[in-house]
């Protein structure tokens, strides 16, 4: 049984683990038609991604409690109670051998229901620093897997195991397909490529910072830009202002699914993005130096993620308010200095853990076997 979070940074790691489990041709419940039941939040990107993977999905009500207005907390407490009752029934139906959770408030009622039924629980922390939900879940967990050693200090030490951030096989395959990736996007192999990713919805300050220096950037390099759905019209209008020559170097997309995103990363020489959990696994896997602009309203998670990669020499951090003035000189300083760029690429590659999904599967099977 799996309970993921509502964001891609929490859903994709769980999907990678399911994929690794399937590759082993193992089932936690051989007498059932499906080895996995996914319990998640109602609607949203999580349900869509799980459906695309062909997995059974059960939605339960849930809501956050931390840092909200009293009336919102009261409403969400009621939703969590309903979610716990639903999770209790699902656990009775599925009789899981083990529960795998990646965070998000929807995981709390599922974990509590399984804990009460004495089901072993493996919690996975994608980010460096845990939020309130993971801290709570770690108290119920049999074991807590983390992306990096830096997370150990936040969690019960006796439960922690470092596995790395799990990535899907399509990304692992894509990293060896740079030439094919360049051809897929119609890129010039003699020019360096900047990947700018605003996520599924978009990162407005990042998108506008790029728009401000787009002519300068395209005069020297080429760009794959994922604007996000909310900024797609504005980004397209900016593209129409370019000359035909520069348009040919500017590959604009509102959104890319994970298959094409892997090719985009394989084709790129540097990436500019927010600092969600996926940067800790995907950019090192691809050996991608990164310029990271943490989302300023995501408490500290993205800042801590960005600082971790920067401390390892694999990234540079720009705060949101610096983007407009500092994006161009930062790119110029990095891509204009071959030795510096190569050093960052090697430091990124040194952090890669392509075996992370297999490590998590091993933990799950050990817990299931112990049960």
Protein backbone atom coordinates (compact mmCIF):
# COMPACT_ATOMS: atom_id res chain seq x y z
CA UNK A 1 0.00 0.00 0.00
CA UNK A 2 1.30 3.47 -0.93
CA UNK A 3 0.32 6.94 0.19
CA UNK A 4 2.02 9.76 -1.69
CA UNK A 5 1.92 13.52 -1.38
CA UNK A 6 0.04 15.88 -3.67
CA UNK A 7 3.12 17.17 -5.52
CA UNK A 8 5.29 15.63 -8.23
CA UNK A 9 8.30 15.72 -5.93
CA UNK A 10 6.52 13.23 -3.67
CA UNK A 11 4.55 11.26 -6.28
CA UNK A 12 7.39 10.52 -8.72
CA UNK A 13 9.64 8.87 -6.10
CA UNK A 14 6.82 6.52 -5.15
CA UNK A 15 6.17 5.73 -8.82
CA UNK A 16 9.87 4.93 -9.23
CA UNK A 17 9.66 2.49 -6.34
CA UNK A 18 6.57 0.81 -7.82
CA UNK A 19 8.44 0.48 -11.11
CA UNK A 20 11.46 -1.06 -9.39
CA UNK A 21 9.16 -3.45 -7.55
CA UNK A 22 7.56 -4.51 -10.83
CA UNK A 23 10.99 -5.02 -12.38
CA UNK A 24 11.73 -7.53 -9.65
CA UNK A 25 8.49 -9.34 -10.63
CA UNK A 26 7.61 -9.55 -7.00
CA UNK A 27 4.22 -9.11 -5.35
CA UNK A 28 3.64 -8.24 -1.75
CA UNK A 29 0.29 -10.03 -1.97
CA UNK A 30 0.53 -12.83 -4.57
CA UNK A 31 -3.10 -13.85 -4.06
CA UNK A 32 -4.37 -10.42 -5.20
CA UNK A 33 -4.62 -9.16 -8.75
CA UNK A 34 -2.68 -6.02 -7.89
CA UNK A 35 0.43 -5.75 -5.77
CA UNK A 36 -0.11 -2.07 -4.99
CA UNK A 37 -2.96 0.11 -3.82
CA UNK A 38 -2.30 3.86 -3.94
CA UNK A 39 -4.16 6.06 -1.46
CA UNK A 40 -4.01 9.76 -2.18
CA UNK A 41 -5.79 13.08 -2.12
CA UNK A 42 -8.98 13.76 -4.00
CA UNK A 43 -8.34 15.26 -7.45
CA UNK A 44 -5.18 17.13 -8.40
CA UNK A 45 -1.94 16.16 -10.07
CA UNK A 46 -1.35 13.05 -7.91
CA UNK A 47 -4.43 11.23 -9.14
CA UNK A 48 -3.60 12.07 -12.76
CA UNK A 49 -0.02 10.80 -12.48
CA UNK A 50 -1.06 7.59 -10.76
CA UNK A 51 -3.74 6.97 -13.39
CA UNK A 52 -1.14 7.45 -16.14
CA UNK A 53 0.93 4.73 -14.45
CA UNK A 54 -2.04 2.36 -14.53
CA UNK A 55 -2.23 1.87 -10.76
CA UNK A 56 -5.36 1.46 -8.66
CA UNK A 57 -6.08 4.72 -6.84
CA UNK A 58 -8.26 5.34 -3.81
CA UNK A 59 -8.98 8.95 -2.85
CA UNK A 60 -9.58 9.96 0.74
CA UNK A 61 -10.40 13.34 2.31
CA UNK A 62 -7.59 15.11 4.14
CA UNK A 63 -6.28 18.57 4.94
CA UNK A 64 -3.39 20.32 6.63
CA UNK A 65 -3.44 21.54 10.25
CA UNK A 66 -0.16 23.40 10.66
CA UNK A 67 -0.03 27.19 10.48
CA UNK A 68 -3.64 27.70 9.35
CA UNK A 69 -6.50 29.85 10.58
CA UNK A 70 -8.54 28.21 13.39
CA UNK A 71 -11.65 27.74 11.26
CA UNK A 72 -9.59 26.12 8.47
CA UNK A 73 -7.94 23.82 11.00
CA UNK A 74 -11.35 22.81 12.36
CA UNK A 75 -12.63 22.02 8.87
CA UNK A 76 -9.50 20.05 7.99
CA UNK A 77 -9.60 18.15 11.28
CA UNK A 78 -13.04 16.89 10.28
CA UNK A 79 -11.73 15.91 6.86
CA UNK A 80 -8.82 14.05 8.46
CA UNK A 81 -11.23 12.16 10.70
CA UNK A 82 -13.23 11.10 7.66
CA UNK A 83 -9.96 10.21 5.92
CA UNK A 84 -8.91 8.02 8.86
CA UNK A 85 -12.19 6.10 8.73
CA UNK A 86 -11.83 5.57 4.99
CA UNK A 87 -8.17 4.51 5.35
CA UNK A 88 -9.17 2.07 8.12
CA UNK A 89 -11.66 0.41 5.80
CA UNK A 90 -9.19 0.27 2.91
CA UNK A 91 -6.56 -1.33 5.15
CA UNK A 92 -9.14 -3.93 6.18
CA UNK A 93 -9.95 -4.67 2.54
CA UNK A 94 -6.37 -4.83 1.27
CA UNK A 95 -4.65 -6.30 4.34
CA UNK A 96 -1.32 -4.75 3.31
CA UNK A 97 2.00 -6.31 4.23
CA UNK A 98 3.68 -2.92 4.33
CA UNK A 99 2.83 0.78 3.87
CA UNK A 100 5.10 3.16 1.94
CA UNK A 101 4.53 6.89 2.44
CA UNK A 102 6.31 9.90 0.97
CA UNK A 103 4.71 12.70 2.97
CA UNK A 104 1.87 15.13 2.45
CA UNK A 105 -1.03 15.55 4.86
CA UNK A 106 -3.05 12.83 3.11
CA UNK A 107 -0.48 10.29 4.36
CA UNK A 108 -1.26 10.97 8.02
CA UNK A 109 -4.64 9.17 8.27
CA UNK A 110 -3.35 6.29 6.14
CA UNK A 111 -0.28 5.82 8.31
CA UNK A 112 -2.31 6.05 11.50
CA UNK A 113 -4.79 3.45 10.25
CA UNK A 114 -1.97 1.06 9.29
CA UNK A 115 -0.10 1.68 12.55
CA UNK A 116 -3.22 0.80 14.51
CA UNK A 117 -3.45 -2.42 12.46
CA UNK A 118 0.25 -3.12 13.15
CA UNK A 119 1.27 -2.84 9.49
CA UNK A 120 4.99 -2.00 9.09
CA UNK A 121 5.50 1.52 7.75
CA UNK A 122 8.36 2.82 5.62
CA UNK A 123 8.44 6.61 5.45
CA UNK A 124 10.52 8.23 2.73
CA UNK A 125 11.65 11.87 3.03
CA UNK A 126 12.33 13.35 -0.45
CA UNK A 127 13.47 16.79 0.80
CA UNK A 128 16.47 17.41 3.02
CA UNK A 129 14.47 18.84 5.92
CA UNK A 130 11.20 17.18 6.99
CA UNK A 131 7.97 19.10 7.40
CA UNK A 132 5.42 18.66 10.15
CA UNK A 133 3.76 15.64 8.52
CA UNK A 134 6.97 13.65 8.06
CA UNK A 135 8.05 14.43 11.62
CA UNK A 136 4.71 13.05 12.84
CA UNK A 137 4.86 10.02 10.55
CA UNK A 138 8.41 9.22 11.64
CA UNK A 139 7.04 8.50 15.11
CA UNK A 140 4.73 5.85 13.65
CA UNK A 141 7.25 4.50 11.14
CA UNK A 142 9.12 1.25 11.42
CA UNK A 143 11.88 2.77 9.29
CA UNK A 144 12.57 6.19 7.75
CA UNK A 145 14.45 6.40 4.44
CA UNK A 146 16.12 9.67 3.46
CA UNK A 147 17.72 11.13 0.36
CA UNK A 148 20.97 12.30 1.97
CA UNK A 149 22.99 12.08 5.18
CA UNK A 150 22.12 15.71 5.87
CA UNK A 151 18.57 14.62 6.82
CA UNK A 152 19.64 12.29 9.60
CA UNK A 153 19.81 15.02 12.24
CA UNK A 154 16.09 15.83 11.90
CA UNK A 155 14.74 12.31 12.54
CA UNK A 156 14.88 9.41 15.01
CA UNK A 157 18.43 8.19 14.38
CA UNK A 158 17.75 4.50 15.09
CA UNK A 159 15.12 4.40 12.32
CA UNK A 160 17.00 6.26 9.57
CA UNK A 161 18.51 4.65 6.47
CA UNK A 162 20.02 6.67 3.59
CA UNK A 163 18.76 5.36 0.24
CA UNK A 164 19.05 8.31 -2.17
CA UNK A 165 16.23 9.88 -4.19
CA UNK A 166 14.54 7.28 -6.44
CA UNK A 167 14.16 8.16 -10.12
CA UNK A 168 12.23 6.33 -12.81
CA UNK A 169 13.96 4.12 -15.36
CA UNK A 170 13.01 6.43 -18.22
CA UNK A 171 15.27 9.11 -16.69
CA UNK A 172 18.11 6.66 -16.20
CA UNK A 173 17.79 5.63 -19.86
CA UNK A 174 17.57 9.25 -21.02
CA UNK A 175 20.89 10.27 -19.46
CA UNK A 176 22.68 8.07 -22.00
CA UNK A 177 20.74 9.53 -24.94
CA UNK A 178 22.03 13.09 -25.23
CA UNK A 179 22.32 13.08 -29.03
CA UNK A 180 18.83 11.62 -29.43
CA UNK A 181 17.52 14.18 -26.92
CA UNK A 182 19.04 17.07 -28.85
CA UNK A 183 17.48 15.76 -32.04
CA UNK A 184 14.10 15.36 -30.33
CA UNK A 185 14.02 19.07 -29.47
CA UNK A 186 15.68 20.23 -32.69
CA UNK A 187 18.73 21.62 -30.92
CA UNK A 188 22.09 22.68 -32.31
CA UNK A 189 24.71 20.32 -30.88
CA UNK A 190 27.41 22.99 -31.10
CA UNK A 191 25.64 25.37 -28.68
CA UNK A 192 25.14 24.95 -24.96
CA UNK A 193 21.55 24.46 -23.86
CA UNK A 194 19.83 26.02 -20.85
CA UNK A 195 16.79 24.24 -19.45
CA UNK A 196 14.44 26.61 -17.61
CA UNK A 197 11.67 24.86 -15.71
CA UNK A 198 8.78 26.63 -14.05
CA UNK A 199 7.03 23.40 -13.04
CA UNK A 200 3.54 22.27 -14.00
CA UNK A 201 1.81 25.52 -13.02
CA UNK A 202 4.68 27.93 -13.54
CA UNK A 203 7.12 30.11 -11.62
CA UNK A 204 6.19 33.65 -12.61
CA UNK A 205 9.21 35.47 -11.23
CA UNK A 206 11.53 32.96 -12.89
CA UNK A 207 9.67 33.12 -16.21
CA UNK A 208 9.72 36.91 -16.22
CA UNK A 209 13.38 37.04 -15.30
CA UNK A 210 14.11 34.87 -18.34
CA UNK A 211 11.87 37.02 -20.56
CA UNK A 212 13.85 40.09 -19.49
CA UNK A 213 17.18 38.71 -20.76
CA UNK A 214 15.90 36.30 -23.41
CA UNK A 215 17.49 38.05 -26.42
CA UNK A 216 20.89 38.15 -24.71
CA UNK A 217 20.64 34.49 -23.71
CA UNK A 218 19.58 33.30 -27.15
CA UNK A 219 22.28 35.32 -28.83
CA UNK A 220 24.84 32.97 -27.22
CA UNK A 221 23.00 29.79 -26.25
CA UNK A 222 19.71 27.93 -26.78
CA UNK A 223 16.85 27.37 -24.37
CA UNK A 224 14.29 24.71 -23.53
CA UNK A 225 11.69 26.60 -21.51
CA UNK A 226 8.88 24.90 -19.61
CA UNK A 227 6.75 27.86 -18.64
CA UNK A 228 3.99 26.09 -16.73
CA UNK A 229 0.33 26.26 -17.70
CA UNK A 230 -0.44 29.55 -15.95
CA UNK A 231 2.29 31.50 -17.77
CA UNK A 232 2.05 29.80 -21.16
CA UNK A 233 0.21 32.64 -22.92
CA UNK A 234 2.60 35.29 -21.60
CA UNK A 235 5.64 33.21 -22.56
CA UNK A 236 4.27 32.63 -26.07
CA UNK A 237 3.67 36.36 -26.50
CA UNK A 238 7.31 36.99 -25.55
CA UNK A 239 8.44 34.40 -28.08
CA UNK A 240 6.55 36.21 -30.85
CA UNK A 241 8.73 39.27 -30.23
CA UNK A 242 11.89 37.36 -31.18
CA UNK A 243 13.53 37.35 -34.58
CA UNK A 244 13.19 34.16 -36.61
CA UNK A 245 16.82 33.31 -35.88
CA UNK A 246 16.32 33.53 -32.12
CA UNK A 247 12.96 31.76 -32.24
CA UNK A 248 14.73 28.72 -33.67
CA UNK A 249 16.88 28.56 -30.51
CA UNK A 250 13.93 28.93 -28.11
CA UNK A 251 11.97 25.72 -27.49
CA UNK A 252 8.90 26.69 -25.47
CA UNK A 253 6.51 24.26 -23.78
CA UNK A 254 3.71 24.79 -21.32
CA UNK A 255 4.38 21.38 -19.74
CA UNK A 256 6.36 18.20 -20.34
CA UNK A 257 5.45 14.79 -18.95
CA UNK A 258 8.21 12.83 -17.27
CA UNK A 259 9.24 10.96 -20.44
CA UNK A 260 10.03 14.17 -22.33
CA UNK A 261 11.34 15.88 -19.22
CA UNK A 262 14.04 13.24 -19.04
CA UNK A 263 15.06 14.05 -22.61
CA UNK A 264 15.05 17.78 -21.83
CA UNK A 265 17.44 17.24 -18.93
CA UNK A 266 19.63 14.95 -21.05
CA UNK A 267 19.91 17.64 -23.73
CA UNK A 268 20.69 20.46 -21.28
CA UNK A 269 24.03 21.77 -20.02
CA UNK A 270 22.60 23.77 -17.13
CA UNK A 271 19.17 24.01 -15.53
CA UNK A 272 17.39 26.97 -13.95
CA UNK A 273 14.46 26.05 -11.69
CA UNK A 274 12.82 26.09 -8.31
CA UNK A 275 14.23 23.76 -5.67
CA UNK A 276 11.60 21.10 -5.02
CA UNK A 277 12.61 17.67 -3.82
CA UNK A 278 13.18 16.22 -7.30
CA UNK A 279 16.30 18.37 -7.84
CA UNK A 280 18.10 16.21 -5.28
CA UNK A 281 17.80 13.11 -7.46
CA UNK A 282 17.21 14.14 -11.05
CA UNK A 283 19.87 16.83 -11.53
CA UNK A 284 22.68 14.74 -10.01
CA UNK A 285 21.58 11.75 -12.12
CA UNK A 286 21.96 13.88 -15.26
CA UNK A 287 25.12 15.62 -14.05
CA UNK A 288 23.33 18.95 -14.45
CA UNK A 289 24.79 22.08 -12.84
CA UNK A 290 21.85 24.05 -11.49
CA UNK A 291 20.86 27.63 -10.80
CA UNK A 292 18.17 27.32 -8.15
CA UNK A 293 15.61 29.93 -7.13
CA UNK A 294 13.72 28.52 -4.12
CA UNK A 295 10.01 29.28 -4.02
CA UNK A 296 9.80 31.89 -1.25
CA UNK A 297 6.42 30.75 0.11
CA UNK A 298 7.27 27.08 0.70
CA UNK A 299 8.53 27.63 4.23
CA UNK A 300 12.22 26.55 4.22
CA UNK A 301 12.10 23.28 2.30
CA UNK A 302 13.25 24.58 -1.06
CA UNK A 303 15.88 26.86 0.46
CA UNK A 304 17.37 23.94 2.40
CA UNK A 305 17.33 21.75 -0.74
CA UNK A 306 19.07 24.46 -2.76
CA UNK A 307 21.64 25.12 -0.05
CA UNK A 308 22.45 21.42 0.15
CA UNK A 309 23.30 21.18 -3.57
CA UNK A 310 25.16 24.49 -3.42
CA UNK A 311 27.24 23.30 -0.46
CA UNK A 312 28.11 20.18 -2.45
CA UNK A 313 29.34 22.37 -5.33
CA UNK A 314 26.58 21.17 -7.69
CA UNK A 315 24.39 24.28 -7.77
CA UNK A 316 24.14 28.02 -7.22
CA UNK A 317 21.28 29.65 -5.32
CA UNK A 318 19.52 32.86 -6.34
CA UNK A 319 16.82 34.20 -4.07
CA UNK A 320 13.54 35.12 -5.71
CA UNK A 321 14.11 38.87 -5.45
CA UNK A 322 17.52 38.52 -7.11
CA UNK A 323 16.31 36.78 -10.25
CA UNK A 324 15.62 39.87 -12.34
CA UNK A 325 19.08 41.39 -11.86
CA UNK A 326 21.25 38.33 -11.31
CA UNK A 327 20.04 35.66 -13.74
CA UNK A 328 22.05 36.91 -16.73
CA UNK A 329 25.38 37.49 -14.91
CA UNK A 330 24.99 34.15 -13.15
CA UNK A 331 24.50 32.27 -16.42
CA UNK A 332 27.28 34.22 -18.10
CA UNK A 333 29.66 33.50 -15.23
CA UNK A 334 28.86 29.78 -15.26
CA UNK A 335 28.61 28.97 -18.97
CA UNK A 336 31.41 31.39 -19.82
CA UNK A 337 33.84 29.55 -17.54
CA UNK A 338 34.35 26.03 -18.89
CA UNK A 339 36.47 24.87 -15.95
CA UNK A 340 33.86 26.03 -13.44
CA UNK A 341 31.03 24.42 -15.41
CA UNK A 342 32.89 21.12 -15.69
CA UNK A 343 33.66 21.13 -11.96
CA UNK A 344 29.99 21.68 -11.09
CA UNK A 345 28.96 18.93 -13.46
CA UNK A 346 31.33 16.46 -11.80
CA UNK A 347 30.18 17.47 -8.32
CA UNK A 348 26.58 16.91 -9.40
CA UNK A 349 27.37 13.48 -10.84
CA UNK A 350 29.11 12.48 -7.62
CA UNK A 351 25.77 12.85 -5.80
CA UNK A 352 23.84 10.55 -8.15
CA UNK A 353 22.17 7.47 -6.66
CA UNK A 354 20.68 5.50 -9.57
CA UNK A 355 20.19 2.56 -7.17
CA UNK A 356 17.89 4.50 -4.84
CA UNK A 357 14.63 2.89 -6.02
CA UNK A 358 16.14 -0.59 -5.63
CA UNK A 359 17.35 0.38 -2.15
CA UNK A 360 13.83 1.36 -1.15
CA UNK A 361 12.36 -1.84 -2.61
CA UNK A 362 14.84 -3.82 -0.51
CA UNK A 363 13.66 -1.97 2.59
CA UNK A 364 10.01 -2.61 1.74
CA UNK A 365 10.55 -6.31 1.15
CA UNK A 366 12.51 -6.64 4.37
CA UNK A 367 9.66 -5.02 6.32
CA UNK A 368 7.05 -7.14 4.53
CA UNK A 369 9.05 -10.28 5.25
CA UNK A 370 9.39 -9.35 8.92
CA UNK A 371 5.62 -8.85 9.11
